[in-house]
């Protein structure tokens, strides 16, 4: 662990030193401010700050946008190392390839988590300032629902970030990684809708990635449960990471 932590810190510093690092945080804050303004100015609906936070973090709110931002910002964490040739400098160190790749993946997860924590904090603070902290929810929503929804959105993003991580290792191209990642996120619902008539569709990662559907008790397909989707997600993540690590360890970077 003492050897691994500095690698993660190094990857985080490389990301944070980029001029574009603050962009996703700025976009999220601006989007939440815009949502607050639109609701306060044009909506007659009465809401509490927890109601607003739940709505803001949903897929129709910032959920899918946050996923796309993470994909764009982290697509080059492996691919760009190849294009710039800096991957060779990393691999000549005493650290193993697996440890180097793991540090990059952990750094991506930390970045993803930081965006969600930031989004939740800004949504709660903004909602409280506009609607007041006295009335938490008009719709009877509690903290558990908000935090559970945020957790499910985080898992959703981790799924697609892991897919993007795999693509970046396979293609070694930042542009291709971003394009494929965004393409998958945007078209996932269409793919599920087209294949929903087939029994095997419920085993696809796209049909299971969004766990928020279970908050309303509406599984995507008959026979699907929260436990089922969780197991499917875990199985796919293990598969994606296994392929990523095997490919990275065996690939020639000369």
Protein backbone atom coordinates (compact mmCIF):
# COMPACT_ATOMS: atom_id res chain seq x y z
CA UNK A 1 0.00 0.00 0.00
CA UNK A 2 2.88 2.37 0.76
CA UNK A 3 4.15 1.88 -2.79
CA UNK A 4 0.69 2.08 -4.35
CA UNK A 5 -0.57 5.29 -2.73
CA UNK A 6 2.15 7.53 -4.27
CA UNK A 7 1.19 6.20 -7.71
CA UNK A 8 -2.45 7.18 -7.16
CA UNK A 9 -1.40 10.60 -5.85
CA UNK A 10 0.82 11.06 -8.90
CA UNK A 11 -2.05 10.24 -11.27
CA UNK A 12 -4.34 12.63 -9.40
CA UNK A 13 -1.75 15.41 -9.59
CA UNK A 14 -1.35 14.86 -13.33
CA UNK A 15 -5.09 15.29 -13.77
CA UNK A 16 -5.45 18.24 -11.40
CA UNK A 17 -2.60 20.21 -13.01
CA UNK A 18 -4.42 20.34 -16.34
CA UNK A 19 -6.12 23.65 -17.15
CA UNK A 20 -9.30 21.73 -17.98
CA UNK A 21 -9.51 20.06 -14.56
CA UNK A 22 -11.84 22.69 -13.12
CA UNK A 23 -14.14 22.73 -16.18
CA UNK A 24 -16.47 19.85 -15.16
CA UNK A 25 -16.92 21.31 -11.67
CA UNK A 26 -17.72 24.70 -13.19
CA UNK A 27 -20.20 23.19 -15.65
CA UNK A 28 -21.95 21.26 -12.89
CA UNK A 29 -22.23 24.34 -10.65
CA UNK A 30 -23.51 26.42 -13.58
CA UNK A 31 -26.05 23.75 -14.52
CA UNK A 32 -27.39 23.56 -10.98
CA UNK A 33 -27.61 27.36 -10.82
CA UNK A 34 -29.50 27.35 -14.13
CA UNK A 35 -31.92 24.69 -12.90
CA UNK A 36 -32.56 26.66 -9.72
CA UNK A 37 -33.23 29.84 -11.67
CA UNK A 38 -35.61 28.14 -14.12
CA UNK A 39 -37.56 26.40 -11.37
CA UNK A 40 -37.73 29.47 -9.13
CA UNK A 41 -38.70 31.82 -11.97
CA UNK A 42 -41.08 29.70 -14.02
CA UNK A 43 -42.30 26.76 -11.95
CA UNK A 44 -45.24 27.00 -9.59
CA UNK A 45 -44.36 23.68 -7.98
CA UNK A 46 -43.44 23.84 -4.32
CA UNK A 47 -40.34 21.83 -3.44
CA UNK A 48 -37.90 21.39 -0.58
CA UNK A 49 -34.13 21.35 -0.87
CA UNK A 50 -34.06 17.54 -0.74
CA UNK A 51 -36.64 17.38 -3.53
CA UNK A 52 -34.46 19.63 -5.65
CA UNK A 53 -31.28 17.67 -4.88
CA UNK A 54 -32.96 14.39 -5.87
CA UNK A 55 -34.18 15.90 -9.13
CA UNK A 56 -30.83 17.55 -9.91
CA UNK A 57 -28.87 14.33 -9.43
CA UNK A 58 -31.25 12.17 -11.47
CA UNK A 59 -30.36 10.93 -14.95
CA UNK A 60 -32.71 13.53 -16.42
CA UNK A 61 -30.85 16.13 -14.37
CA UNK A 62 -27.09 15.93 -14.00
CA UNK A 63 -26.70 12.14 -13.96
CA UNK A 64 -25.97 11.51 -17.62
CA UNK A 65 -24.15 14.82 -18.02
CA UNK A 66 -21.78 13.91 -15.18
CA UNK A 67 -21.10 10.54 -16.79
CA UNK A 68 -20.19 12.19 -20.09
CA UNK A 69 -17.96 14.73 -18.33
CA UNK A 70 -16.04 11.98 -16.53
CA UNK A 71 -15.61 10.07 -19.79
CA UNK A 72 -14.27 13.14 -21.59
CA UNK A 73 -11.93 14.14 -18.76
CA UNK A 74 -10.46 10.69 -18.07
CA UNK A 75 -10.40 9.10 -21.53
CA UNK A 76 -6.76 10.02 -22.03
CA UNK A 77 -5.43 8.75 -18.70
CA UNK A 78 -4.08 5.66 -20.50
CA UNK A 79 -4.46 6.48 -24.19
CA UNK A 80 -2.61 9.80 -23.97
CA UNK A 81 0.33 8.13 -22.23
CA UNK A 82 0.71 5.98 -25.35
CA UNK A 83 0.37 8.84 -27.84
CA UNK A 84 2.91 10.99 -25.98
CA UNK A 85 5.26 8.10 -25.35
CA UNK A 86 5.30 8.75 -21.60
CA UNK A 87 3.97 5.26 -20.92
CA UNK A 88 7.52 3.97 -21.50
CA UNK A 89 8.81 6.14 -18.66
CA UNK A 90 6.20 4.69 -16.31
CA UNK A 91 6.95 1.09 -17.23
CA UNK A 92 10.71 1.34 -16.67
CA UNK A 93 10.07 1.98 -12.97
CA UNK A 94 10.23 -0.76 -10.38
CA UNK A 95 6.43 -0.83 -10.17
CA UNK A 96 4.55 -3.61 -11.95
CA UNK A 97 2.28 -2.91 -14.89
CA UNK A 98 -0.73 -4.08 -12.90
CA UNK A 99 0.02 -1.64 -10.09
CA UNK A 100 0.50 1.24 -12.53
CA UNK A 101 -2.78 0.50 -14.30
CA UNK A 102 -4.60 0.02 -10.99
CA UNK A 103 -3.39 3.44 -9.81
CA UNK A 104 -4.84 5.03 -12.93
CA UNK A 105 -8.18 3.31 -12.44
CA UNK A 106 -8.35 4.31 -8.76
CA UNK A 107 -7.53 7.91 -9.72
CA UNK A 108 -10.42 7.84 -12.20
CA UNK A 109 -12.76 6.51 -9.49
CA UNK A 110 -11.62 9.23 -7.09
CA UNK A 111 -12.25 11.89 -9.74
CA UNK A 112 -15.71 10.44 -10.38
CA UNK A 113 -16.48 10.40 -6.67
CA UNK A 114 -15.30 13.99 -6.26
CA UNK A 115 -17.68 15.14 -8.99
CA UNK A 116 -20.64 13.41 -7.34
CA UNK A 117 -19.81 14.73 -3.89
CA UNK A 118 -19.43 18.21 -5.38
CA UNK A 119 -22.73 17.89 -7.27
CA UNK A 120 -24.58 16.71 -4.17
CA UNK A 121 -23.11 19.48 -2.01
CA UNK A 122 -23.92 22.23 -4.52
CA UNK A 123 -27.44 20.89 -5.13
CA UNK A 124 -28.20 20.72 -1.40
CA UNK A 125 -26.69 24.13 -0.69
CA UNK A 126 -28.36 25.77 -3.68
CA UNK A 127 -31.71 24.18 -2.92
CA UNK A 128 -31.46 25.24 0.71
CA UNK A 129 -30.60 28.83 -0.16
CA UNK A 130 -33.49 29.16 -2.62
CA UNK A 131 -36.20 27.06 -0.96
CA UNK A 132 -35.00 27.25 2.63
CA UNK A 133 -33.43 24.69 4.91
CA UNK A 134 -36.48 24.59 7.17
CA UNK A 135 -38.59 22.46 4.84
CA UNK A 136 -36.47 19.54 3.67
CA UNK A 137 -39.07 17.93 1.43
CA UNK A 138 -42.59 18.70 0.29
CA UNK A 139 -42.87 15.29 -1.37
CA UNK A 140 -41.89 13.31 1.72
CA UNK A 141 -38.39 12.52 0.47
CA UNK A 142 -35.78 11.74 3.12
CA UNK A 143 -32.01 11.84 3.22
CA UNK A 144 -31.84 8.10 2.56
CA UNK A 145 -33.60 8.47 -0.81
CA UNK A 146 -31.28 11.29 -1.90
CA UNK A 147 -28.11 9.50 -0.82
CA UNK A 148 -29.25 6.19 -2.33
CA UNK A 149 -30.06 7.90 -5.62
CA UNK A 150 -26.63 9.56 -5.63
CA UNK A 151 -24.98 6.19 -4.93
CA UNK A 152 -26.87 4.52 -7.78
CA UNK A 153 -25.91 7.33 -10.15
CA UNK A 154 -22.29 6.92 -9.07
CA UNK A 155 -22.45 3.18 -9.83
CA UNK A 156 -24.01 3.95 -13.23
CA UNK A 157 -21.12 6.29 -14.03
CA UNK A 158 -18.52 3.79 -12.78
CA UNK A 159 -19.92 1.19 -15.18
CA UNK A 160 -19.47 3.39 -18.23
CA UNK A 161 -16.17 4.83 -17.04
CA UNK A 162 -14.87 1.26 -16.70
CA UNK A 163 -16.03 0.49 -20.24
CA UNK A 164 -14.26 3.64 -21.41
CA UNK A 165 -11.15 2.62 -19.46
CA UNK A 166 -11.13 -0.69 -21.33
CA UNK A 167 -11.64 1.02 -24.69
CA UNK A 168 -8.73 3.39 -24.02
CA UNK A 169 -6.43 0.41 -23.42
CA UNK A 170 -7.64 -1.44 -26.51
CA UNK A 171 -7.53 1.52 -28.90
CA UNK A 172 -4.77 3.67 -27.33
CA UNK A 173 -6.59 6.65 -28.87
CA UNK A 174 -8.11 9.43 -26.77
CA UNK A 175 -10.43 10.56 -29.58
CA UNK A 176 -11.74 7.07 -30.25
CA UNK A 177 -12.20 6.45 -26.53
CA UNK A 178 -14.26 9.61 -26.04
CA UNK A 179 -16.32 8.93 -29.17
CA UNK A 180 -17.10 5.33 -28.30
CA UNK A 181 -17.80 6.16 -24.66
CA UNK A 182 -20.25 8.95 -25.51
CA UNK A 183 -21.86 6.82 -28.23
CA UNK A 184 -22.56 4.01 -25.77
CA UNK A 185 -24.00 6.31 -23.09
CA UNK A 186 -26.27 8.16 -25.51
CA UNK A 187 -27.61 5.06 -27.27
CA UNK A 188 -27.90 2.67 -24.32
CA UNK A 189 -31.64 3.24 -23.86
CA UNK A 190 -32.29 2.65 -27.57
CA UNK A 191 -30.30 -0.59 -27.48
CA UNK A 192 -32.25 -1.83 -24.45
CA UNK A 193 -35.58 -0.88 -26.04
CA UNK A 194 -34.76 -2.69 -29.28
CA UNK A 195 -33.58 -5.86 -27.54
CA UNK A 196 -36.10 -5.93 -24.67
CA UNK A 197 -38.26 -8.50 -26.49
CA UNK A 198 -35.49 -11.08 -26.16
CA UNK A 199 -34.90 -13.02 -22.95
CA UNK A 200 -31.13 -12.50 -23.03
CA UNK A 201 -31.53 -8.71 -22.92
CA UNK A 202 -31.84 -8.68 -19.14
CA UNK A 203 -28.28 -9.98 -18.90
CA UNK A 204 -26.85 -7.04 -20.85
CA UNK A 205 -24.92 -4.45 -18.86
CA UNK A 206 -26.94 -1.65 -20.48
CA UNK A 207 -30.19 -3.00 -19.02
CA UNK A 208 -28.74 -3.23 -15.51
CA UNK A 209 -26.47 -0.19 -15.16
CA UNK A 210 -29.19 2.22 -13.98
CA UNK A 211 -30.21 1.05 -10.51
CA UNK A 212 -32.36 4.13 -9.87
CA UNK A 213 -35.28 2.40 -11.63
CA UNK A 214 -35.65 0.23 -8.53
CA UNK A 215 -36.29 3.28 -6.34
CA UNK A 216 -39.76 3.45 -7.89
CA UNK A 217 -40.20 -0.30 -8.02
CA UNK A 218 -40.10 -0.41 -11.82
CA UNK A 219 -37.61 -3.04 -13.06
CA UNK A 220 -36.62 -2.63 -16.73
CA UNK A 221 -37.77 -6.16 -17.56
CA UNK A 222 -39.77 -8.91 -15.83
CA UNK A 223 -37.69 -11.05 -13.49
CA UNK A 224 -35.11 -8.35 -12.79
CA UNK A 225 -34.42 -7.26 -9.20
CA UNK A 226 -31.95 -4.96 -7.48
CA UNK A 227 -29.90 -7.97 -6.38
CA UNK A 228 -29.94 -9.41 -9.90
CA UNK A 229 -28.75 -6.15 -11.47
CA UNK A 230 -26.07 -5.70 -8.80
CA UNK A 231 -24.67 -9.16 -9.52
CA UNK A 232 -24.72 -8.53 -13.27
CA UNK A 233 -22.91 -5.20 -12.81
CA UNK A 234 -20.27 -6.80 -10.59
CA UNK A 235 -19.71 -9.61 -13.10
CA UNK A 236 -19.28 -7.19 -16.00
CA UNK A 237 -16.94 -4.92 -14.04
CA UNK A 238 -14.75 -7.90 -13.16
CA UNK A 239 -14.74 -8.97 -16.82
CA UNK A 240 -13.91 -5.48 -18.14
CA UNK A 241 -11.11 -4.98 -15.63
CA UNK A 242 -9.71 -8.47 -16.25
CA UNK A 243 -9.51 -7.82 -20.00
CA UNK A 244 -8.00 -4.39 -19.33
CA UNK A 245 -5.24 -5.70 -17.07
CA UNK A 246 -4.42 -8.73 -19.23
CA UNK A 247 -4.21 -6.55 -22.36
CA UNK A 248 -2.11 -3.88 -20.66
CA UNK A 249 0.32 -6.42 -19.20
CA UNK A 250 0.87 -8.27 -22.49
CA UNK A 251 0.87 -5.35 -24.94
CA UNK A 252 4.17 -4.17 -26.38
CA UNK A 253 4.63 -0.42 -25.87
CA UNK A 254 7.85 -0.06 -27.82
